Amino acid sequence: MNPIREYRTRRDMSQEELARLVGVDRSNVAKWEAGVHRPRADMLILLAKVLQCSVDELLREG
């Protein structure tokens, strides 16, 4: 499972809620989770804070 999806679902958070908290469109979150795109470095820091994990955990593969 994609780490962003994994940590988002652990927090019982929808894609829309995560998108709102980090200031992007829901489609961006969907693309990150599908592996179509990766978040920018500054966005990874914000995602890690919101999802209560480390940037390293978000960058791990599979």
C-alpha atoms as a PDB file:
ATOM      1  CA  MET A   1       0.000   0.000   0.000  1.00  0.00           C
ATOM      2  CA  ASN A   2       1.163   3.519  -0.755  1.00  0.00           C
ATOM      3  CA  PRO A   3       2.548   5.169   2.433  1.00  0.00           C
ATOM      4  CA  ILE A   4       0.455   8.341   2.034  1.00  0.00           C
ATOM      5  CA  ARG A   5      -2.708   6.247   1.710  1.00  0.00           C
ATOM      6  CA  GLU A   6      -1.614   4.030   4.593  1.00  0.00           C
ATOM      7  CA  TYR A   7      -1.058   6.903   7.020  1.00  0.00           C
ATOM      8  CA  ARG A   8      -4.160   8.748   5.801  1.00  0.00           C
ATOM      9  CA  THR A   9      -6.385   5.725   6.416  1.00  0.00           C
ATOM     10  CA  ARG A  10      -4.777   5.114   9.824  1.00  0.00           C
ATOM     11  CA  ARG A  11      -5.975   8.606  10.732  1.00  0.00           C
ATOM     12  CA  ASP A  12      -9.449   7.780   9.370  1.00  0.00           C
ATOM     13  CA  MET A  13      -9.090  10.701   6.962  1.00  0.00           C
ATOM     14  CA  SER A  14     -10.586  11.067   3.486  1.00  0.00           C
ATOM     15  CA  GLN A  15      -8.561  12.219   0.496  1.00  0.00           C
ATOM     16  CA  GLU A  16     -10.648  15.380   0.502  1.00  0.00           C
ATOM     17  CA  GLU A  17      -9.872  16.116   4.154  1.00  0.00           C
ATOM     18  CA  LEU A  18      -6.135  15.561   3.670  1.00  0.00           C
ATOM     19  CA  ALA A  19      -6.188  17.784   0.589  1.00  0.00           C
ATOM     20  CA  ARG A  20      -7.916  20.553   2.532  1.00  0.00           C
ATOM     21  CA  LEU A  21      -5.425  20.319   5.407  1.00  0.00           C
ATOM     22  CA  VAL A  22      -2.404  20.623   3.119  1.00  0.00           C
ATOM     23  CA  GLY A  23      -3.954  23.116   0.697  1.00  0.00           C
ATOM     24  CA  VAL A  24      -4.205  21.109  -2.513  1.00  0.00           C
ATOM     25  CA  ASP A  25      -6.976  19.644  -4.659  1.00  0.00           C
ATOM     26  CA  ARG A  26      -8.235  16.128  -3.857  1.00  0.00           C
ATOM     27  CA  SER A  27      -6.989  14.986  -7.261  1.00  0.00           C
ATOM     28  CA  ASN A  28      -3.422  15.726  -6.149  1.00  0.00           C
ATOM     29  CA  VAL A  29      -3.799  13.370  -3.197  1.00  0.00           C
ATOM     30  CA  ALA A  30      -5.274  10.706  -5.486  1.00  0.00           C
ATOM     31  CA  LYS A  31      -2.310  11.051  -7.893  1.00  0.00           C
ATOM     32  CA  TRP A  32       0.205  10.788  -5.041  1.00  0.00           C
ATOM     33  CA  GLU A  33      -1.496   7.669  -3.738  1.00  0.00           C
ATOM     34  CA  ALA A  34      -1.679   6.111  -7.200  1.00  0.00           C
ATOM     35  CA  GLY A  35       2.011   6.815  -7.789  1.00  0.00           C
ATOM     36  CA  VAL A  36       1.278   9.024 -10.794  1.00  0.00           C
ATOM     37  CA  HIS A  37       3.010  11.996  -9.128  1.00  0.00           C
ATOM     38  CA  ARG A  38       5.094  12.563  -6.021  1.00  0.00           C
ATOM     39  CA  PRO A  39       4.617  15.520  -3.686  1.00  0.00           C
ATOM     40  CA  ARG A  40       7.207  18.315  -3.721  1.00  0.00           C
ATOM     41  CA  ALA A  41       9.749  18.355  -0.874  1.00  0.00           C
ATOM     42  CA  ASP A  42       7.985  21.178   0.966  1.00  0.00           C
ATOM     43  CA  MET A  43       4.688  19.320   0.660  1.00  0.00           C
ATOM     44  CA  LEU A  44       6.258  16.134   2.062  1.00  0.00           C
ATOM     45  CA  ILE A  45       7.163  18.039   5.231  1.00  0.00           C
ATOM     46  CA  LEU A  46       3.600  19.302   5.615  1.00  0.00           C
ATOM     47  CA  LEU A  47       2.134  15.853   4.834  1.00  0.00           C
ATOM     48  CA  ALA A  48       4.368  14.255   7.466  1.00  0.00           C
ATOM     49  CA  LYS A  49       3.193  16.782  10.055  1.00  0.00           C
ATOM     50  CA  VAL A  50      -0.503  16.318   9.209  1.00  0.00           C
ATOM     51  CA  LEU A  51      -0.217  12.515   9.022  1.00  0.00           C
ATOM     52  CA  GLN A  52       1.963  12.346  12.166  1.00  0.00           C
ATOM     53  CA  CYS A  53       4.808  10.415  10.608  1.00  0.00           C
ATOM     54  CA  SER A  54       8.267  11.132   9.223  1.00  0.00           C
ATOM     55  CA  VAL A  55       9.181  12.172   5.703  1.00  0.00           C
ATOM     56  CA  ASP A  56      11.262   8.982   5.500  1.00  0.00           C
ATOM     57  CA  GLU A  57       8.151   6.915   6.201  1.00  0.00           C
ATOM     58  CA  LEU A  58       6.289   8.696   3.400  1.00  0.00           C
ATOM     59  CA  LEU A  59       9.124   8.037   0.940  1.00  0.00           C
ATOM     60  CA  ARG A  60       9.467   4.306   1.569  1.00  0.00           C
ATOM     61  CA  GLU A  61       8.578   1.990  -1.270  1.00  0.00           C
ATOM     62  CA  GLY A  62       5.731  -0.530  -1.181  1.00  0.00           C
END
